[in-house]
N, C-alpha and C. Protein backbone atom coordinates (compact mmCIF):
# COMPACT_ATOMS: atom_id res chain seq x y z
N UNK A 1 92.06 118.61 102.05
CA UNK A 1 92.02 117.17 102.20
C UNK A 1 92.51 116.80 103.59
N UNK A 2 91.79 115.90 104.23
CA UNK A 2 92.13 115.48 105.58
C UNK A 2 93.33 114.55 105.56
N UNK A 3 94.24 114.76 106.51
CA UNK A 3 95.38 113.86 106.68
C UNK A 3 94.98 112.79 107.69
N UNK A 4 95.34 111.56 107.40
CA UNK A 4 95.06 110.45 108.29
C UNK A 4 96.36 109.95 108.89
N UNK A 5 96.29 109.47 110.12
CA UNK A 5 97.46 108.90 110.78
C UNK A 5 97.79 107.52 110.22
N UNK A 6 96.81 106.90 109.60
CA UNK A 6 97.00 105.56 109.05
C UNK A 6 96.86 105.58 107.54
N UNK A 7 97.24 104.48 106.94
CA UNK A 7 97.18 104.36 105.48
C UNK A 7 96.63 102.98 105.14
N UNK A 8 95.75 102.95 104.15
CA UNK A 8 95.30 101.70 103.54
C UNK A 8 95.99 101.63 102.18
N UNK A 9 96.72 100.55 101.95
CA UNK A 9 97.45 100.43 100.70
C UNK A 9 97.32 99.04 100.11
N UNK A 10 97.21 99.01 98.81
CA UNK A 10 97.21 97.77 98.03
C UNK A 10 98.46 97.82 97.17
N UNK A 11 99.20 96.72 97.15
CA UNK A 11 100.38 96.61 96.29
C UNK A 11 100.15 95.46 95.33
N UNK A 12 100.16 95.77 94.04
CA UNK A 12 99.91 94.79 92.99
C UNK A 12 101.19 94.52 92.21
N UNK A 13 101.34 93.28 91.78
CA UNK A 13 102.45 92.97 90.91
C UNK A 13 102.23 93.67 89.58
N UNK A 14 103.29 94.22 89.01
CA UNK A 14 103.15 95.05 87.81
C UNK A 14 102.98 94.28 86.52
N UNK A 15 102.93 92.94 86.58
CA UNK A 15 102.74 92.17 85.35
C UNK A 15 101.31 91.63 85.20
N UNK A 16 100.39 92.12 86.01
CA UNK A 16 98.99 91.68 85.92
C UNK A 16 98.29 92.39 84.77
N UNK A 17 97.34 91.71 84.14
CA UNK A 17 96.51 92.35 83.12
C UNK A 17 95.37 93.10 83.83
N UNK A 18 94.68 93.93 83.07
CA UNK A 18 93.66 94.81 83.65
C UNK A 18 92.64 94.14 84.53
N UNK A 19 91.98 93.09 84.05
CA UNK A 19 90.94 92.44 84.85
C UNK A 19 91.53 91.84 86.12
N UNK A 20 92.78 91.35 86.05
CA UNK A 20 93.41 90.78 87.24
C UNK A 20 93.68 91.86 88.28
N UNK A 21 94.16 93.03 87.84
CA UNK A 21 94.42 94.13 88.78
C UNK A 21 93.15 94.52 89.52
N UNK A 22 92.06 94.64 88.78
CA UNK A 22 90.79 95.03 89.41
C UNK A 22 90.28 93.95 90.35
N UNK A 23 90.33 92.70 89.91
CA UNK A 23 89.86 91.59 90.73
C UNK A 23 90.68 91.45 92.01
N UNK A 24 91.98 91.49 91.89
CA UNK A 24 92.86 91.36 93.06
C UNK A 24 92.63 92.51 94.02
N UNK A 25 92.53 93.73 93.52
CA UNK A 25 92.29 94.89 94.39
C UNK A 25 90.99 94.73 95.16
N UNK A 26 89.93 94.32 94.47
CA UNK A 26 88.63 94.15 95.14
C UNK A 26 88.72 93.11 96.25
N UNK A 27 89.33 91.98 95.97
CA UNK A 27 89.45 90.94 96.99
C UNK A 27 90.30 91.43 98.16
N UNK A 28 91.42 92.08 97.88
CA UNK A 28 92.32 92.51 98.96
C UNK A 28 91.67 93.56 99.87
N UNK A 29 90.97 94.53 99.30
CA UNK A 29 90.37 95.54 100.16
C UNK A 29 89.22 94.98 100.98
N UNK A 30 88.59 93.90 100.48
CA UNK A 30 87.55 93.28 101.30
C UNK A 30 88.16 92.69 102.56
N UNK A 31 89.39 92.19 102.46
CA UNK A 31 90.08 91.69 103.64
C UNK A 31 90.39 92.80 104.64
N UNK A 32 90.82 93.93 104.14
CA UNK A 32 91.10 95.07 105.03
C UNK A 32 89.82 95.51 105.72
N UNK A 33 88.72 95.60 104.98
CA UNK A 33 87.44 96.01 105.56
C UNK A 33 86.98 95.02 106.63
N UNK A 34 87.08 93.73 106.33
CA UNK A 34 86.63 92.72 107.28
C UNK A 34 87.48 92.70 108.54
N UNK A 35 88.76 92.94 108.38
CA UNK A 35 89.66 92.90 109.53
C UNK A 35 89.73 94.19 110.32
N UNK A 36 89.14 95.26 109.80
CA UNK A 36 89.22 96.57 110.44
C UNK A 36 87.89 97.31 110.32
N UNK A 37 86.84 96.82 110.97
CA UNK A 37 85.52 97.46 110.80
C UNK A 37 85.51 98.93 111.23
N UNK A 38 86.46 99.34 112.06
CA UNK A 38 86.52 100.74 112.48
C UNK A 38 86.93 101.67 111.34
N UNK A 39 87.39 101.13 110.23
CA UNK A 39 87.75 101.94 109.07
C UNK A 39 86.55 102.35 108.23
N UNK A 40 85.40 101.76 108.53
CA UNK A 40 84.22 102.01 107.73
C UNK A 40 83.53 103.31 108.16
N UNK A 41 83.07 104.06 107.17
CA UNK A 41 82.32 105.28 107.44
C UNK A 41 80.85 104.95 107.65
N UNK A 42 80.05 105.97 107.57
CA UNK A 42 78.60 105.82 107.73
C UNK A 42 77.96 105.50 106.38
N UNK A 43 76.76 104.92 106.39
CA UNK A 43 76.07 104.66 105.12
C UNK A 43 75.82 105.96 104.35
N UNK A 44 75.71 105.83 103.05
CA UNK A 44 75.42 106.97 102.18
C UNK A 44 73.92 107.02 101.92
N UNK A 45 73.45 108.21 101.56
CA UNK A 45 72.04 108.40 101.23
C UNK A 45 71.95 109.52 100.20
N UNK A 46 71.16 109.30 99.16
CA UNK A 46 70.99 110.36 98.17
C UNK A 46 69.80 111.25 98.53
N UNK A 47 69.54 112.25 97.69
CA UNK A 47 68.48 113.22 97.97
C UNK A 47 67.09 112.60 97.95
N UNK A 48 66.95 111.41 97.39
CA UNK A 48 65.66 110.71 97.38
C UNK A 48 65.55 109.70 98.52
N UNK A 49 66.46 109.78 99.46
CA UNK A 49 66.49 108.90 100.64
C UNK A 49 66.79 107.44 100.31
N UNK A 50 67.46 107.20 99.19
CA UNK A 50 67.91 105.86 98.85
C UNK A 50 69.19 105.59 99.63
N UNK A 51 69.21 104.50 100.37
CA UNK A 51 70.37 104.16 101.19
C UNK A 51 71.38 103.34 100.41
N UNK A 52 72.68 103.61 100.67
CA UNK A 52 73.79 102.89 100.06
C UNK A 52 74.74 102.42 101.16
N UNK A 53 75.51 101.42 100.86
CA UNK A 53 76.42 100.85 101.84
C UNK A 53 77.53 101.83 102.23
N UNK A 54 78.02 101.70 103.45
CA UNK A 54 79.17 102.53 103.84
C UNK A 54 80.43 102.07 103.12
N UNK A 55 81.39 102.96 103.05
CA UNK A 55 82.70 102.65 102.45
C UNK A 55 83.78 103.08 103.43
N UNK A 56 85.03 102.81 103.07
CA UNK A 56 86.14 103.27 103.91
C UNK A 56 86.01 104.77 104.14
N UNK A 57 86.43 105.21 105.29
CA UNK A 57 86.38 106.64 105.59
C UNK A 57 87.69 107.34 105.24
N UNK A 58 88.61 106.61 104.64
CA UNK A 58 89.86 107.21 104.17
C UNK A 58 90.22 106.60 102.82
N UNK A 59 91.08 107.28 102.06
CA UNK A 59 91.43 106.78 100.74
C UNK A 59 92.16 105.43 100.80
N UNK A 60 92.05 104.69 99.71
CA UNK A 60 92.83 103.47 99.50
C UNK A 60 93.83 103.81 98.40
N UNK A 61 95.10 103.66 98.70
CA UNK A 61 96.14 103.95 97.73
C UNK A 61 96.59 102.65 97.08
N UNK A 62 96.73 102.67 95.77
CA UNK A 62 97.11 101.46 95.03
C UNK A 62 98.49 101.67 94.42
N UNK A 63 99.37 100.71 94.68
CA UNK A 63 100.76 100.76 94.24
C UNK A 63 101.04 99.57 93.34
N UNK A 64 102.13 99.64 92.60
CA UNK A 64 102.57 98.54 91.75
C UNK A 64 104.05 98.32 91.95
N UNK A 65 104.47 97.10 91.71
CA UNK A 65 105.88 96.77 91.81
C UNK A 65 106.14 95.40 91.22
N UNK A 66 107.40 95.09 91.09
CA UNK A 66 107.80 93.79 90.56
C UNK A 66 107.46 92.68 91.54
N UNK A 67 107.59 91.47 91.09
CA UNK A 67 107.37 90.31 91.96
C UNK A 67 108.27 90.41 93.19
N UNK A 68 109.49 90.85 92.99
CA UNK A 68 110.44 90.98 94.10
C UNK A 68 110.01 92.05 95.10
N UNK A 69 109.47 93.15 94.60
CA UNK A 69 108.98 94.22 95.48
C UNK A 69 107.80 93.73 96.31
N UNK A 70 106.87 93.01 95.68
CA UNK A 70 105.70 92.48 96.40
C UNK A 70 106.16 91.47 97.47
N UNK A 71 107.08 90.59 97.11
CA UNK A 71 107.59 89.60 98.05
C UNK A 71 108.30 90.28 99.23
N UNK A 72 109.10 91.28 98.94
CA UNK A 72 109.80 92.01 100.01
C UNK A 72 108.82 92.75 100.91
N UNK A 73 107.79 93.35 100.33
CA UNK A 73 106.79 94.06 101.13
C UNK A 73 106.05 93.10 102.05
N UNK A 74 105.75 91.94 101.56
CA UNK A 74 105.09 90.90 102.37
C UNK A 74 105.96 90.57 103.57
N UNK A 75 107.24 90.32 103.34
CA UNK A 75 108.16 89.98 104.43
C UNK A 75 108.29 91.14 105.42
N UNK A 76 108.37 92.37 104.93
CA UNK A 76 108.48 93.54 105.82
C UNK A 76 107.23 93.69 106.67
N UNK A 77 106.07 93.51 106.06
CA UNK A 77 104.82 93.65 106.82
C UNK A 77 104.74 92.59 107.91
N UNK A 78 105.10 91.36 107.58
CA UNK A 78 105.09 90.30 108.60
C UNK A 78 106.13 90.57 109.68
N UNK A 79 107.28 91.10 109.29
CA UNK A 79 108.33 91.44 110.25
C UNK A 79 107.91 92.53 111.22
N UNK A 80 106.97 93.34 110.81
CA UNK A 80 106.44 94.42 111.66
C UNK A 80 105.16 93.99 112.37
N UNK A 81 104.82 92.72 112.26
CA UNK A 81 103.60 92.17 112.87
C UNK A 81 102.34 92.88 112.39
N UNK A 82 102.33 93.27 111.12
CA UNK A 82 101.16 93.91 110.54
C UNK A 82 100.26 92.84 109.96
N UNK A 83 98.97 92.99 110.16
CA UNK A 83 98.00 92.09 109.53
C UNK A 83 97.84 92.52 108.08
N UNK A 84 97.77 91.54 107.19
CA UNK A 84 97.62 91.89 105.79
C UNK A 84 96.77 90.85 105.07
N UNK A 85 96.29 91.25 103.92
CA UNK A 85 95.55 90.36 103.03
C UNK A 85 96.50 89.98 101.90
N UNK A 86 96.39 88.74 101.44
CA UNK A 86 97.25 88.28 100.34
C UNK A 86 96.39 87.69 99.22
N UNK A 87 96.92 87.80 98.02
CA UNK A 87 96.30 87.17 96.85
C UNK A 87 97.44 86.52 96.09
N UNK A 88 97.33 85.21 95.86
CA UNK A 88 98.37 84.48 95.14
C UNK A 88 97.90 84.13 93.74
N UNK A 89 98.84 83.79 92.87
CA UNK A 89 98.48 83.45 91.50
C UNK A 89 97.56 82.23 91.45
N UNK A 90 97.66 81.34 92.43
CA UNK A 90 96.80 80.16 92.46
C UNK A 90 95.32 80.52 92.55
N UNK A 91 95.00 81.67 93.12
CA UNK A 91 93.60 82.05 93.31
C UNK A 91 92.89 82.41 92.01
N UNK A 92 93.66 82.63 90.94
CA UNK A 92 93.02 82.88 89.65
C UNK A 92 92.34 81.63 89.10
N UNK A 93 92.72 80.46 89.61
CA UNK A 93 92.14 79.22 89.08
C UNK A 93 91.18 78.55 90.05
N UNK A 94 90.86 79.20 91.15
CA UNK A 94 89.89 78.65 92.09
C UNK A 94 88.57 79.39 91.91
N UNK A 95 87.51 78.85 92.47
CA UNK A 95 86.22 79.47 92.22
C UNK A 95 85.40 79.77 93.46
N UNK A 96 85.97 79.53 94.65
CA UNK A 96 85.20 79.80 95.86
C UNK A 96 86.14 79.99 97.05
N UNK A 97 85.59 80.47 98.13
CA UNK A 97 86.39 80.82 99.30
C UNK A 97 87.11 79.62 99.90
N UNK A 98 86.44 78.48 99.97
CA UNK A 98 87.08 77.28 100.53
C UNK A 98 88.31 76.89 99.72
N UNK A 99 88.17 76.88 98.40
CA UNK A 99 89.31 76.53 97.54
C UNK A 99 90.40 77.60 97.61
N UNK A 100 90.01 78.87 97.73
CA UNK A 100 91.00 79.94 97.87
C UNK A 100 91.86 79.73 99.11
N UNK A 101 91.20 79.49 100.24
CA UNK A 101 91.95 79.30 101.49
C UNK A 101 92.81 78.05 101.44
N UNK A 102 92.31 76.98 100.82
CA UNK A 102 93.08 75.74 100.68
C UNK A 102 94.32 75.98 99.80
N UNK A 103 94.18 76.77 98.75
CA UNK A 103 95.31 77.05 97.87
C UNK A 103 96.42 77.80 98.60
N UNK A 104 96.05 78.75 99.45
CA UNK A 104 97.05 79.49 100.22
C UNK A 104 97.66 78.57 101.27
N UNK A 105 96.83 77.82 101.96
CA UNK A 105 97.31 76.93 103.01
C UNK A 105 98.30 75.88 102.50
N UNK A 106 98.20 75.49 101.25
CA UNK A 106 99.03 74.43 100.68
C UNK A 106 100.48 74.86 100.42
N UNK A 107 100.77 76.16 100.52
CA UNK A 107 102.09 76.67 100.14
C UNK A 107 102.76 77.34 101.34
N UNK A 108 104.02 77.00 101.61
CA UNK A 108 104.74 77.68 102.70
C UNK A 108 104.84 79.18 102.43
N UNK A 109 104.86 79.96 103.50
CA UNK A 109 104.86 81.43 103.41
C UNK A 109 105.91 81.97 102.45
N UNK A 110 107.14 81.47 102.52
CA UNK A 110 108.21 82.02 101.68
C UNK A 110 108.17 81.51 100.24
N UNK A 111 107.19 80.66 99.92
CA UNK A 111 107.04 80.16 98.55
C UNK A 111 105.74 80.62 97.89
N UNK A 112 104.97 81.46 98.58
CA UNK A 112 103.73 81.98 98.00
C UNK A 112 104.05 82.79 96.74
N UNK A 113 103.32 82.54 95.67
CA UNK A 113 103.48 83.33 94.44
C UNK A 113 102.51 84.51 94.52
N UNK A 114 102.93 85.51 95.27
CA UNK A 114 102.08 86.66 95.56
C UNK A 114 101.90 87.53 94.32
N UNK A 115 100.64 87.90 94.05
CA UNK A 115 100.37 88.87 92.99
C UNK A 115 99.87 90.18 93.59
N UNK A 116 99.54 90.17 94.89
CA UNK A 116 99.11 91.39 95.55
C UNK A 116 98.98 91.19 97.04
N UNK A 117 99.16 92.30 97.76
CA UNK A 117 98.93 92.33 99.20
C UNK A 117 98.20 93.64 99.52
N UNK A 118 97.51 93.65 100.64
CA UNK A 118 96.90 94.88 101.15
C UNK A 118 97.25 94.98 102.62
N UNK A 119 97.49 96.19 103.05
CA UNK A 119 97.89 96.42 104.43
C UNK A 119 97.29 97.73 104.92
N UNK A 120 97.02 97.76 106.21
CA UNK A 120 96.57 98.99 106.87
C UNK A 120 97.42 99.16 108.11
N UNK A 121 97.89 100.36 108.34
CA UNK A 121 98.69 100.62 109.52
C UNK A 121 99.09 102.08 109.60
N UNK A 122 99.96 102.37 110.56
CA UNK A 122 100.47 103.73 110.68
C UNK A 122 101.15 104.13 109.38
N UNK A 123 100.96 105.38 108.99
CA UNK A 123 101.47 105.86 107.69
C UNK A 123 102.94 105.52 107.48
N UNK A 124 103.77 105.84 108.47
CA UNK A 124 105.21 105.64 108.29
C UNK A 124 105.56 104.15 108.18
N UNK A 125 104.84 103.30 108.91
CA UNK A 125 105.09 101.86 108.83
C UNK A 125 104.69 101.33 107.45
N UNK A 126 103.55 101.75 106.94
CA UNK A 126 103.11 101.32 105.62
C UNK A 126 104.09 101.83 104.55
N UNK A 127 104.55 103.06 104.70
CA UNK A 127 105.51 103.61 103.74
C UNK A 127 106.78 102.76 103.71
N UNK A 128 107.26 102.31 104.86
CA UNK A 128 108.46 101.48 104.91
C UNK A 128 108.23 100.12 104.27
N UNK A 129 107.05 99.56 104.49
CA UNK A 129 106.70 98.27 103.88
C UNK A 129 106.69 98.40 102.35
N UNK A 130 106.20 99.52 101.84
CA UNK A 130 106.04 99.71 100.40
C UNK A 130 107.27 100.28 99.70
N UNK A 131 108.37 100.40 100.41
CA UNK A 131 109.59 100.98 99.82
C UNK A 131 109.94 100.22 98.53
N UNK A 132 110.14 100.95 97.46
CA UNK A 132 110.46 100.36 96.17
C UNK A 132 109.26 100.26 95.24
N UNK A 133 108.06 100.41 95.78
CA UNK A 133 106.84 100.37 94.96
C UNK A 133 106.54 101.78 94.44
N UNK A 134 105.76 101.84 93.39
CA UNK A 134 105.35 103.14 92.84
C UNK A 134 103.83 103.21 92.81
N UNK A 135 103.31 104.41 92.81
CA UNK A 135 101.86 104.58 92.69
C UNK A 135 101.40 103.94 91.39
N UNK A 136 100.29 103.20 91.46
CA UNK A 136 99.75 102.55 90.28
C UNK A 136 99.21 103.60 89.33
N UNK A 137 99.47 103.44 88.04
CA UNK A 137 98.94 104.42 87.08
C UNK A 137 97.77 103.88 86.33
């Protein structure tokens, strides 16, 4: 297995139900992909020459933690000037991108009810941000 100098990580609050975990993860990794196009690999192709979209060229690790762990990780990532994607509980009740962005914009940073974050950065920096989280099972 190839070792990467960087890490892509998603941290989810541990009180989410199954569909929420999947939905939040999908939204968060789309932010990482959009903000870091250099992380994308080449398109896939099967033996019949059917083309498929490219995906990340490195693994995405998914972690879980309490609300406090997610909030602390958010603060640590911002303190390290890391770009990150956020998903708040308010986004479960919105239905489009405009409303999603408005819901986040309406709340001060330290009052966001975060249910997940995603971050990409140097391995050791991401590890420090995720301190206290555990691998998602």
